[in-house]
Amino acid sequence: MTSTIFPRKIFQGVAKRADMFRLFDRHRDRPNRFDSDQSAVYAGEWFEIDEISYSYMLDILPPLWMRGPIFAMREFMTGSVTSVFYAIRIDEAVRYFHTYCDLSDPNSVEAIRTAIIDRETRPVRAMSREERLEHIWSATTDDYRGYAGDSWPKPMQGHRTVMLYGGSEGTFLKLLDTLSDDEIAAKLPVHLRHLPASLAA
């Protein structure tokens, strides 16, 4: 079955090798990980890597296929979703990206490539609210992020949570999607806090 792909940038900046491996399965602790089709969790996620990481991944195993500067890994993350690596010339410089593509959709590889180019050729650096939340989730260590469990109201169970600091009240968990603008700013690295907001993701 072809899944609906919503290309989404999940990390701001260039991920080095250690970050790249961590981002490969940033959903590994989700509840019911092995229940039903998990393709929609991964398909469409993308982030930038460096040339060293791109070359390293190309040399690990013979790729499933290679089309010019684009290659797919032969080990699938789930179902028909696998890692696809791109080298793309943007503004006269070659940049490198990792994505998860659902290969059951013959258009997915080109669709995500187009989305990356569109996102990375904007004249003004910006982050949408969704990108800010995804970066927070990607950058937060496992000890400070998780999923709402049985103690949460039923409609919230299974949703992503992050730990916040409440001053004299100590730390508390909050649903990632419900963070306020101030809470988002506090969780972002200083160099990302004041990037302009963008309606287009």
N, C-alpha and C. Protein backbone atom coordinates (compact mmCIF):
# COMPACT_ATOMS: atom_id res chain seq x y z
N MET A 1 0.84 -1.19 0.00
CA MET A 1 0.00 0.00 0.00
C MET A 1 0.88 1.24 0.00
N THR A 2 0.52 2.23 -0.78
CA THR A 2 1.27 3.47 -0.84
C THR A 2 0.83 4.37 0.30
N SER A 3 1.81 4.86 1.08
CA SER A 3 1.47 5.74 2.19
C SER A 3 1.50 7.18 1.73
N THR A 4 0.77 8.02 2.41
CA THR A 4 0.79 9.45 2.12
C THR A 4 2.02 10.06 2.75
N ILE A 5 2.84 10.73 1.94
CA ILE A 5 4.10 11.28 2.42
C ILE A 5 3.97 12.77 2.61
N PHE A 6 4.33 13.24 3.80
CA PHE A 6 4.39 14.66 4.07
C PHE A 6 5.85 14.99 4.38
N PRO A 7 6.60 15.45 3.38
CA PRO A 7 8.01 15.76 3.64
C PRO A 7 8.15 16.76 4.79
N ARG A 8 9.05 16.47 5.73
CA ARG A 8 9.19 17.34 6.89
C ARG A 8 10.64 17.33 7.37
N LYS A 9 11.16 18.52 7.57
CA LYS A 9 12.52 18.68 8.08
C LYS A 9 12.50 18.47 9.58
N ILE A 10 13.39 17.61 10.08
CA ILE A 10 13.31 17.24 11.50
C ILE A 10 14.51 17.71 12.31
N PHE A 11 15.47 18.38 11.66
CA PHE A 11 16.65 18.84 12.39
C PHE A 11 17.21 20.06 11.67
N GLN A 12 17.47 21.12 12.42
CA GLN A 12 17.99 22.35 11.83
C GLN A 12 19.52 22.33 11.90
N GLY A 13 20.18 22.60 10.78
CA GLY A 13 21.63 22.55 10.74
C GLY A 13 22.09 21.26 10.09
N VAL A 14 23.41 21.04 10.15
CA VAL A 14 24.01 19.85 9.53
C VAL A 14 24.32 18.83 10.62
N ALA A 15 23.70 17.67 10.53
CA ALA A 15 23.92 16.61 11.52
C ALA A 15 25.24 15.91 11.24
N LYS A 16 26.10 15.84 12.25
CA LYS A 16 27.33 15.07 12.15
C LYS A 16 27.00 13.59 12.35
N ARG A 17 28.02 12.73 12.21
CA ARG A 17 27.74 11.30 12.17
C ARG A 17 27.01 10.80 13.42
N ALA A 18 27.45 11.21 14.60
CA ALA A 18 26.80 10.74 15.83
C ALA A 18 25.34 11.18 15.86
N ASP A 19 25.07 12.43 15.47
CA ASP A 19 23.69 12.92 15.42
C ASP A 19 22.90 12.16 14.38
N MET A 20 23.52 11.88 13.23
CA MET A 20 22.82 11.18 12.16
C MET A 20 22.32 9.82 12.63
N PHE A 21 23.18 9.05 13.29
CA PHE A 21 22.75 7.73 13.75
C PHE A 21 21.64 7.85 14.79
N ARG A 22 21.70 8.86 15.61
CA ARG A 22 20.65 9.05 16.60
C ARG A 22 19.33 9.42 15.94
N LEU A 23 19.39 10.21 14.87
CA LEU A 23 18.18 10.65 14.18
C LEU A 23 17.56 9.54 13.33
N PHE A 24 18.35 8.54 12.98
CA PHE A 24 17.81 7.45 12.17
C PHE A 24 16.58 6.82 12.83
N ASP A 25 16.62 6.66 14.15
CA ASP A 25 15.46 6.05 14.82
C ASP A 25 15.11 6.84 16.07
N ARG A 26 14.69 8.08 15.85
CA ARG A 26 14.32 8.93 16.98
C ARG A 26 12.96 8.56 17.55
N HIS A 27 12.29 7.58 16.96
CA HIS A 27 10.98 7.13 17.44
C HIS A 27 11.06 5.74 18.08
N ARG A 28 12.26 5.26 18.38
CA ARG A 28 12.41 3.86 18.78
C ARG A 28 11.69 3.53 20.08
N ASP A 29 11.43 4.52 20.94
CA ASP A 29 10.80 4.23 22.24
C ASP A 29 9.29 4.43 22.22
N ARG A 30 8.73 4.63 21.04
CA ARG A 30 7.29 4.87 20.98
C ARG A 30 6.53 3.61 21.41
N PRO A 31 5.36 3.78 22.01
CA PRO A 31 4.57 2.60 22.42
C PRO A 31 4.04 1.87 21.20
N ASN A 32 3.83 0.59 21.35
CA ASN A 32 3.27 -0.24 20.27
C ASN A 32 4.09 -0.12 18.98
N ARG A 33 5.42 -0.11 19.17
CA ARG A 33 6.32 0.11 18.04
C ARG A 33 6.13 -0.93 16.93
N PHE A 34 5.83 -2.13 17.30
CA PHE A 34 5.77 -3.20 16.31
C PHE A 34 4.33 -3.57 15.93
N ASP A 35 3.38 -2.73 16.32
CA ASP A 35 1.99 -2.99 15.95
C ASP A 35 1.65 -2.29 14.65
N SER A 36 0.97 -2.97 13.77
CA SER A 36 0.45 -2.40 12.52
C SER A 36 1.54 -1.80 11.64
N ASP A 37 1.15 -1.08 10.62
CA ASP A 37 2.08 -0.47 9.68
C ASP A 37 2.62 0.83 10.26
N GLN A 38 3.93 0.92 10.39
CA GLN A 38 4.58 2.09 10.99
C GLN A 38 5.16 3.03 9.93
N SER A 39 4.84 2.82 8.67
CA SER A 39 5.47 3.59 7.59
C SER A 39 5.27 5.09 7.75
N ALA A 40 4.08 5.50 8.17
CA ALA A 40 3.77 6.93 8.25
C ALA A 40 4.60 7.64 9.32
N VAL A 41 5.12 6.88 10.30
CA VAL A 41 5.95 7.48 11.35
C VAL A 41 7.25 8.03 10.74
N TYR A 42 7.79 7.31 9.76
CA TYR A 42 9.10 7.64 9.21
C TYR A 42 9.05 8.33 7.85
N ALA A 43 8.19 7.85 6.97
CA ALA A 43 8.22 8.31 5.58
C ALA A 43 8.07 9.82 5.48
N GLY A 44 8.99 10.45 4.78
CA GLY A 44 8.95 11.89 4.57
C GLY A 44 9.89 12.67 5.46
N GLU A 45 10.44 12.05 6.52
CA GLU A 45 11.38 12.76 7.39
C GLU A 45 12.70 12.98 6.65
N TRP A 46 13.28 14.18 6.83
CA TRP A 46 14.59 14.43 6.21
C TRP A 46 15.40 15.42 7.04
N PHE A 47 16.71 15.33 6.88
CA PHE A 47 17.62 16.27 7.54
C PHE A 47 18.93 16.29 6.76
N GLU A 48 19.71 17.35 7.00
CA GLU A 48 20.97 17.53 6.29
C GLU A 48 22.11 16.83 7.04
N ILE A 49 23.03 16.24 6.28
CA ILE A 49 24.22 15.61 6.84
C ILE A 49 25.45 16.20 6.14
N ASP A 50 26.64 15.78 6.55
CA ASP A 50 27.84 16.28 5.89
C ASP A 50 28.34 15.25 4.87
N GLU A 51 29.30 15.67 4.06
CA GLU A 51 29.81 14.81 2.99
C GLU A 51 30.46 13.54 3.54
N ILE A 52 31.13 13.66 4.69
CA ILE A 52 31.79 12.50 5.29
C ILE A 52 30.76 11.42 5.63
N SER A 53 29.63 11.83 6.20
CA SER A 53 28.58 10.88 6.57
C SER A 53 27.94 10.26 5.33
N TYR A 54 27.73 11.08 4.31
CA TYR A 54 27.18 10.59 3.04
C TYR A 54 28.08 9.50 2.47
N SER A 55 29.38 9.75 2.41
CA SER A 55 30.32 8.78 1.85
C SER A 55 30.40 7.54 2.72
N TYR A 56 30.35 7.74 4.03
CA TYR A 56 30.40 6.61 4.96
C TYR A 56 29.22 5.66 4.73
N MET A 57 28.03 6.21 4.59
CA MET A 57 26.84 5.38 4.39
C MET A 57 26.88 4.68 3.04
N LEU A 58 27.46 5.32 2.04
CA LEU A 58 27.57 4.69 0.71
C LEU A 58 28.50 3.49 0.76
N ASP A 59 29.51 3.56 1.63
CA ASP A 59 30.52 2.49 1.68
C ASP A 59 30.15 1.35 2.62
N ILE A 60 29.12 1.53 3.47
CA ILE A 60 28.77 0.49 4.45
C ILE A 60 28.37 -0.81 3.76
N LEU A 61 27.42 -0.72 2.86
CA LEU A 61 26.90 -1.88 2.13
C LEU A 61 26.63 -1.45 0.69
N PRO A 62 26.64 -2.40 -0.23
CA PRO A 62 26.20 -2.03 -1.58
C PRO A 62 24.77 -1.49 -1.51
N PRO A 63 24.50 -0.34 -2.12
CA PRO A 63 23.14 0.22 -2.02
C PRO A 63 22.12 -0.65 -2.73
N LEU A 64 20.88 -0.47 -2.33
CA LEU A 64 19.77 -1.15 -3.02
C LEU A 64 19.74 -0.72 -4.48
N TRP A 65 19.90 0.58 -4.70
CA TRP A 65 20.07 1.14 -6.04
C TRP A 65 20.77 2.49 -5.92
N MET A 66 21.34 2.92 -7.02
CA MET A 66 22.01 4.22 -7.06
C MET A 66 21.68 4.87 -8.38
N ARG A 67 21.19 6.12 -8.30
CA ARG A 67 20.83 6.89 -9.48
C ARG A 67 21.60 8.20 -9.42
N GLY A 68 22.76 8.22 -10.07
CA GLY A 68 23.60 9.39 -9.98
C GLY A 68 24.02 9.62 -8.54
N PRO A 69 23.76 10.82 -7.98
CA PRO A 69 24.18 11.11 -6.60
C PRO A 69 23.14 10.71 -5.55
N ILE A 70 22.14 9.91 -5.93
CA ILE A 70 21.10 9.46 -5.00
C ILE A 70 21.21 7.95 -4.85
N PHE A 71 21.21 7.47 -3.61
CA PHE A 71 21.24 6.02 -3.41
C PHE A 71 20.33 5.64 -2.24
N ALA A 72 19.84 4.40 -2.29
CA ALA A 72 18.94 3.87 -1.26
C ALA A 72 19.62 2.72 -0.53
N MET A 73 19.38 2.64 0.77
CA MET A 73 19.91 1.54 1.57
C MET A 73 19.06 0.29 1.35
N ARG A 74 19.72 -0.87 1.37
CA ARG A 74 18.99 -2.11 1.14
C ARG A 74 18.31 -2.64 2.41
N GLU A 75 18.67 -2.10 3.58
CA GLU A 75 18.01 -2.50 4.81
C GLU A 75 16.86 -1.53 5.08
N PHE A 76 15.64 -2.06 5.17
CA PHE A 76 14.46 -1.22 5.34
C PHE A 76 14.20 -0.94 6.81
N MET A 77 13.76 0.29 7.10
CA MET A 77 13.40 0.65 8.46
C MET A 77 12.10 -0.03 8.87
N THR A 78 11.11 0.03 8.01
CA THR A 78 9.82 -0.62 8.26
C THR A 78 9.08 -0.73 6.95
N GLY A 79 8.41 -1.85 6.74
CA GLY A 79 7.65 -2.02 5.51
C GLY A 79 8.49 -1.72 4.28
N SER A 80 8.02 -0.78 3.46
CA SER A 80 8.73 -0.39 2.24
C SER A 80 9.48 0.92 2.40
N VAL A 81 9.71 1.34 3.65
CA VAL A 81 10.40 2.61 3.94
C VAL A 81 11.87 2.34 4.21
N THR A 82 12.73 3.03 3.49
CA THR A 82 14.16 2.89 3.70
C THR A 82 14.86 4.23 3.60
N SER A 83 16.13 4.26 4.02
CA SER A 83 16.94 5.47 3.93
C SER A 83 17.33 5.74 2.49
N VAL A 84 17.18 6.98 2.09
CA VAL A 84 17.66 7.44 0.78
C VAL A 84 18.54 8.64 1.04
N PHE A 85 19.70 8.64 0.40
CA PHE A 85 20.68 9.71 0.58
C PHE A 85 20.81 10.50 -0.72
N TYR A 86 20.88 11.82 -0.57
CA TYR A 86 20.95 12.71 -1.73
C TYR A 86 22.19 13.60 -1.63
N ALA A 87 22.79 13.88 -2.79
CA ALA A 87 23.74 14.98 -2.94
C ALA A 87 23.07 15.95 -3.91
N ILE A 88 22.79 17.15 -3.44
CA ILE A 88 22.00 18.12 -4.22
C ILE A 88 22.77 19.43 -4.31
N ARG A 89 22.88 19.98 -5.50
CA ARG A 89 23.51 21.29 -5.65
C ARG A 89 22.47 22.37 -5.37
N ILE A 90 22.74 23.17 -4.36
CA ILE A 90 21.85 24.26 -3.96
C ILE A 90 22.69 25.53 -3.82
N ASP A 91 22.31 26.55 -4.56
CA ASP A 91 23.04 27.83 -4.50
C ASP A 91 24.54 27.62 -4.72
N GLU A 92 24.86 26.86 -5.76
CA GLU A 92 26.25 26.64 -6.19
C GLU A 92 27.09 25.79 -5.24
N ALA A 93 26.47 25.18 -4.25
CA ALA A 93 27.20 24.30 -3.34
C ALA A 93 26.50 22.94 -3.27
N VAL A 94 27.27 21.87 -3.23
CA VAL A 94 26.69 20.54 -3.08
C VAL A 94 26.45 20.27 -1.60
N ARG A 95 25.22 19.90 -1.28
CA ARG A 95 24.85 19.59 0.09
C ARG A 95 24.28 18.18 0.14
N TYR A 96 24.25 17.60 1.33
CA TYR A 96 23.94 16.18 1.47
C TYR A 96 22.79 16.00 2.46
N PHE A 97 21.91 15.05 2.15
CA PHE A 97 20.70 14.88 2.94
C PHE A 97 20.36 13.40 3.11
N HIS A 98 19.75 13.10 4.25
CA HIS A 98 19.17 11.78 4.49
C HIS A 98 17.66 11.94 4.55
N THR A 99 16.94 11.00 3.94
CA THR A 99 15.49 10.99 4.02
C THR A 99 15.01 9.56 4.24
N TYR A 100 13.76 9.44 4.66
CA TYR A 100 13.08 8.16 4.63
C TYR A 100 12.03 8.21 3.53
N CYS A 101 12.18 7.34 2.56
CA CYS A 101 11.23 7.29 1.44
C CYS A 101 10.46 5.98 1.47
N ASP A 102 9.19 6.06 1.15
CA ASP A 102 8.36 4.87 1.01
C ASP A 102 8.47 4.44 -0.46
N LEU A 103 9.24 3.40 -0.72
CA LEU A 103 9.52 2.99 -2.09
C LEU A 103 8.33 2.31 -2.75
N SER A 104 7.24 2.09 -2.00
CA SER A 104 6.03 1.59 -2.66
C SER A 104 5.38 2.69 -3.50
N ASP A 105 5.78 3.94 -3.23
CA ASP A 105 5.33 5.08 -4.03
C ASP A 105 6.46 5.44 -5.00
N PRO A 106 6.29 5.22 -6.29
CA PRO A 106 7.38 5.48 -7.25
C PRO A 106 7.76 6.95 -7.34
N ASN A 107 6.92 7.84 -6.82
CA ASN A 107 7.20 9.27 -6.89
C ASN A 107 7.86 9.82 -5.63
N SER A 108 8.03 8.97 -4.60
CA SER A 108 8.45 9.49 -3.30
C SER A 108 9.86 10.07 -3.33
N VAL A 109 10.78 9.45 -4.03
CA VAL A 109 12.17 9.92 -4.03
C VAL A 109 12.27 11.31 -4.64
N GLU A 110 11.61 11.50 -5.77
CA GLU A 110 11.65 12.81 -6.42
C GLU A 110 10.82 13.83 -5.65
N ALA A 111 9.72 13.41 -5.04
CA ALA A 111 8.88 14.35 -4.29
C ALA A 111 9.65 14.93 -3.11
N ILE A 112 10.41 14.10 -2.40
CA ILE A 112 11.16 14.61 -1.26
C ILE A 112 12.34 15.44 -1.73
N ARG A 113 12.98 15.05 -2.81
CA ARG A 113 14.06 15.87 -3.36
C ARG A 113 13.55 17.27 -3.69
N THR A 114 12.39 17.35 -4.32
CA THR A 114 11.79 18.64 -4.66
C THR A 114 11.47 19.44 -3.40
N ALA A 115 10.96 18.76 -2.36
CA ALA A 115 10.63 19.44 -1.11
C ALA A 115 11.88 19.99 -0.44
N ILE A 116 12.98 19.24 -0.48
CA ILE A 116 14.23 19.72 0.11
C ILE A 116 14.72 20.97 -0.61
N ILE A 117 14.73 20.93 -1.94
CA ILE A 117 15.19 22.08 -2.71
C ILE A 117 14.32 23.30 -2.43
N ASP A 118 13.00 23.08 -2.39
CA ASP A 118 12.09 24.19 -2.12
C ASP A 118 12.36 24.79 -0.74
N ARG A 119 12.56 23.92 0.26
CA ARG A 119 12.79 24.40 1.62
C ARG A 119 14.13 25.13 1.77
N GLU A 120 15.15 24.60 1.12
CA GLU A 120 16.50 25.11 1.34
C GLU A 120 16.88 26.26 0.40
N THR A 121 16.00 26.62 -0.51
CA THR A 121 16.29 27.76 -1.39
C THR A 121 15.44 28.97 -1.05
N ARG A 122 14.81 28.97 0.11
CA ARG A 122 14.08 30.16 0.53
C ARG A 122 15.05 31.31 0.75
N PRO A 123 14.67 32.52 0.38
CA PRO A 123 15.61 33.64 0.51
C PRO A 123 15.93 34.03 1.94
N VAL A 124 15.04 33.70 2.89
CA VAL A 124 15.25 34.05 4.29
C VAL A 124 15.22 32.78 5.12
N ARG A 125 16.23 32.60 5.97
CA ARG A 125 16.20 31.44 6.85
C ARG A 125 15.00 31.57 7.79
N ALA A 126 14.25 30.50 7.92
CA ALA A 126 13.06 30.54 8.76
C ALA A 126 12.77 29.13 9.24
N MET A 127 12.01 29.05 10.31
CA MET A 127 11.55 27.76 10.81
C MET A 127 10.06 27.87 11.09
N SER A 128 9.30 26.92 10.59
CA SER A 128 7.89 26.87 10.94
C SER A 128 7.75 26.34 12.37
N ARG A 129 6.56 26.50 12.94
CA ARG A 129 6.32 25.94 14.28
C ARG A 129 6.58 24.44 14.27
N GLU A 130 6.14 23.75 13.23
CA GLU A 130 6.32 22.31 13.16
C GLU A 130 7.80 21.95 13.13
N GLU A 131 8.59 22.72 12.40
CA GLU A 131 10.03 22.45 12.36
C GLU A 131 10.68 22.69 13.71
N ARG A 132 10.24 23.71 14.40
CA ARG A 132 10.79 23.98 15.74
C ARG A 132 10.49 22.81 16.68
N LEU A 133 9.26 22.31 16.64
CA LEU A 133 8.89 21.19 17.50
C LEU A 133 9.68 19.93 17.13
N GLU A 134 9.83 19.68 15.83
CA GLU A 134 10.58 18.50 15.42
C GLU A 134 12.05 18.61 15.80
N HIS A 135 12.61 19.80 15.71
CA HIS A 135 14.01 19.97 16.13
C HIS A 135 14.15 19.73 17.62
N ILE A 136 13.20 20.24 18.40
CA ILE A 136 13.24 20.01 19.85
C ILE A 136 13.20 18.51 20.14
N TRP A 137 12.30 17.80 19.48
CA TRP A 137 12.20 16.36 19.71
C TRP A 137 13.50 15.66 19.31
N SER A 138 14.07 16.05 18.16
CA SER A 138 15.29 15.41 17.67
C SER A 138 16.48 15.68 18.58
N ALA A 139 16.54 16.89 19.14
CA ALA A 139 17.71 17.31 19.91
C ALA A 139 17.62 16.94 21.39
N THR A 140 16.43 16.62 21.87
CA THR A 140 16.26 16.30 23.29
C THR A 140 16.71 14.87 23.57
N THR A 141 17.48 14.67 24.63
CA THR A 141 17.95 13.32 24.95
C THR A 141 16.79 12.47 25.47
N ASP A 142 17.00 11.16 25.42
CA ASP A 142 15.93 10.23 25.79
C ASP A 142 15.44 10.42 27.22
N ASP A 143 16.33 10.88 28.11
CA ASP A 143 15.93 11.06 29.51
C ASP A 143 14.92 12.19 29.68
N TYR A 144 14.82 13.06 28.71
CA TYR A 144 13.96 14.24 28.84
C TYR A 144 12.84 14.29 27.81
N ARG A 145 12.58 13.18 27.16
CA ARG A 145 11.46 13.09 26.23
C ARG A 145 10.84 11.70 26.36
N GLY A 146 9.59 11.60 25.93
CA GLY A 146 8.94 10.30 26.03
C GLY A 146 7.56 10.34 25.41
N TYR A 147 6.69 9.49 25.92
CA TYR A 147 5.33 9.38 25.39
C TYR A 147 4.35 9.33 26.55
N ALA A 148 3.23 9.98 26.39
CA ALA A 148 2.21 10.01 27.44
C ALA A 148 1.71 8.60 27.71
N GLY A 149 1.75 8.21 28.97
CA GLY A 149 1.37 6.85 29.34
C GLY A 149 -0.02 6.77 29.95
N ASP A 150 -0.23 5.73 30.74
CA ASP A 150 -1.56 5.42 31.27
C ASP A 150 -2.07 6.48 32.23
N SER A 151 -1.18 7.27 32.82
CA SER A 151 -1.63 8.28 33.78
C SER A 151 -2.22 9.52 33.09
N TRP A 152 -2.07 9.60 31.79
CA TRP A 152 -2.61 10.74 31.02
C TRP A 152 -4.03 10.41 30.57
N PRO A 153 -4.84 11.44 30.31
CA PRO A 153 -6.17 11.18 29.74
C PRO A 153 -6.06 10.35 28.46
N LYS A 154 -7.03 9.51 28.23
CA LYS A 154 -6.99 8.56 27.12
C LYS A 154 -6.66 9.21 25.78
N PRO A 155 -7.26 10.36 25.42
CA PRO A 155 -6.96 10.94 24.10
C PRO A 155 -5.51 11.39 23.94
N MET A 156 -4.80 11.59 25.06
CA MET A 156 -3.42 12.07 25.00
C MET A 156 -2.39 10.94 25.03
N GLN A 157 -2.82 9.75 25.40
CA GLN A 157 -1.88 8.64 25.56
C GLN A 157 -1.21 8.32 24.22
N GLY A 158 0.10 8.12 24.29
CA GLY A 158 0.86 7.81 23.08
C GLY A 158 1.44 9.02 22.39
N HIS A 159 1.00 10.23 22.79
CA HIS A 159 1.53 11.45 22.18
C HIS A 159 2.89 11.78 22.79
N ARG A 160 3.72 12.46 22.03
CA ARG A 160 5.08 12.78 22.48
C ARG A 160 5.07 13.83 23.60
N THR A 161 5.97 13.64 24.57
CA THR A 161 6.10 14.58 25.68
C THR A 161 7.56 15.02 25.81
N VAL A 162 7.76 16.20 26.36
CA VAL A 162 9.10 16.67 26.70
C VAL A 162 9.07 17.22 28.12
N MET A 163 10.21 17.19 28.77
CA MET A 163 10.31 17.69 30.13
C MET A 163 10.67 19.18 30.11
N LEU A 164 9.96 19.95 30.92
CA LEU A 164 10.22 21.37 31.06
C LEU A 164 10.61 21.68 32.49
N TYR A 165 11.28 22.81 32.66
CA TYR A 165 11.67 23.25 34.00
C TYR A 165 10.71 24.34 34.45
N GLY A 166 10.09 24.14 35.58
CA GLY A 166 9.09 25.07 36.07
C GLY A 166 9.54 25.94 37.22
N GLY A 167 10.83 26.25 37.27
CA GLY A 167 11.32 27.11 38.35
C GLY A 167 11.21 26.44 39.70
N SER A 168 10.59 27.13 40.64
CA SER A 168 10.48 26.60 42.00
C SER A 168 9.61 25.35 42.06
N GLU A 169 8.80 25.13 41.03
CA GLU A 169 7.93 23.95 40.99
C GLU A 169 8.65 22.73 40.45
N GLY A 170 9.89 22.91 39.99
CA GLY A 170 10.66 21.78 39.48
C GLY A 170 10.31 21.44 38.04
N THR A 171 10.59 20.22 37.65
CA THR A 171 10.36 19.80 36.26
C THR A 171 8.98 19.17 36.12
N PHE A 172 8.47 19.22 34.90
CA PHE A 172 7.18 18.60 34.61
C PHE A 172 7.14 18.22 33.14
N LEU A 173 6.28 17.29 32.80
CA LEU A 173 6.12 16.84 31.42
C LEU A 173 4.99 17.61 30.76
N LYS A 174 5.17 17.87 29.47
CA LYS A 174 4.12 18.52 28.69
C LYS A 174 4.09 17.91 27.30
N LEU A 175 2.91 17.83 26.70
CA LEU A 175 2.81 17.32 25.34
C LEU A 175 3.59 18.23 24.39
N LEU A 176 4.40 17.64 23.55
CA LEU A 176 5.23 18.41 22.61
C LEU A 176 4.38 19.36 21.78
N ASP A 177 3.27 18.89 21.27
CA ASP A 177 2.45 19.71 20.36
C ASP A 177 1.78 20.88 21.06
N THR A 178 1.77 20.89 22.40
CA THR A 178 1.08 21.97 23.11
C THR A 178 2.03 23.00 23.71
N LEU A 179 3.31 22.94 23.38
CA LEU A 179 4.25 23.92 23.90
C LEU A 179 3.88 25.32 23.44
N SER A 180 4.00 26.27 24.33
CA SER A 180 3.75 27.67 23.98
C SER A 180 4.97 28.21 23.23
N ASP A 181 4.83 29.39 22.63
CA ASP A 181 5.96 30.00 21.92
C ASP A 181 7.13 30.23 22.86
N ASP A 182 6.86 30.67 24.09
CA ASP A 182 7.93 30.89 25.06
C ASP A 182 8.61 29.59 25.45
N GLU A 183 7.83 28.53 25.60
CA GLU A 183 8.40 27.23 25.95
C GLU A 183 9.24 26.68 24.80
N ILE A 184 8.77 26.90 23.58
CA ILE A 184 9.55 26.47 22.41
C ILE A 184 10.87 27.21 22.38
N ALA A 185 10.83 28.52 22.58
CA ALA A 185 12.06 29.32 22.56
C ALA A 185 13.04 28.85 23.63
N ALA A 186 12.52 28.50 24.79
CA ALA A 186 13.39 28.06 25.88
C ALA A 186 14.06 26.72 25.58
N LYS A 187 13.39 25.88 24.79
CA LYS A 187 13.94 24.55 24.48
C LYS A 187 14.88 24.57 23.28
N LEU A 188 14.82 25.63 22.45
CA LEU A 188 15.68 25.70 21.28
C LEU A 188 17.06 26.21 21.66
N PRO A 189 18.10 25.80 20.92
CA PRO A 189 19.42 26.40 21.11
C PRO A 189 19.35 27.91 20.86
N VAL A 190 20.23 28.66 21.48
CA VAL A 190 20.19 30.12 21.40
C VAL A 190 20.21 30.60 19.95
N HIS A 191 21.02 29.97 19.10
CA HIS A 191 21.17 30.45 17.73
C HIS A 191 19.93 30.21 16.86
N LEU A 192 18.96 29.43 17.37
CA LEU A 192 17.74 29.17 16.60
C LEU A 192 16.53 29.92 17.15
N ARG A 193 16.64 30.52 18.30
CA ARG A 193 15.47 31.09 18.97
C ARG A 193 14.86 32.26 18.21
N HIS A 194 15.67 33.01 17.51
CA HIS A 194 15.17 34.24 16.92
C HIS A 194 15.11 34.18 15.39
N LEU A 195 15.18 32.98 14.83
CA LEU A 195 14.95 32.88 13.39
C LEU A 195 13.50 33.25 13.11
N PRO A 196 13.23 33.90 11.97
CA PRO A 196 11.85 34.28 11.67
C PRO A 196 10.96 33.06 11.50
N ALA A 197 9.70 33.22 11.86
CA ALA A 197 8.74 32.14 11.68
C ALA A 197 8.32 32.08 10.22
N SER A 198 7.95 30.91 9.77
CA SER A 198 7.51 30.73 8.39
C SER A 198 6.21 29.93 8.40
N LEU A 199 5.28 30.34 7.58
CA LEU A 199 4.02 29.61 7.48
C LEU A 199 4.20 28.37 6.61
N ALA A 200 5.18 28.41 5.72
CA ALA A 200 5.40 27.27 4.82
C ALA A 200 6.43 26.34 5.43
N ALA A 201 6.09 25.06 5.47
CA ALA A 201 7.03 24.09 6.04
C ALA A 201 7.64 23.26 4.93
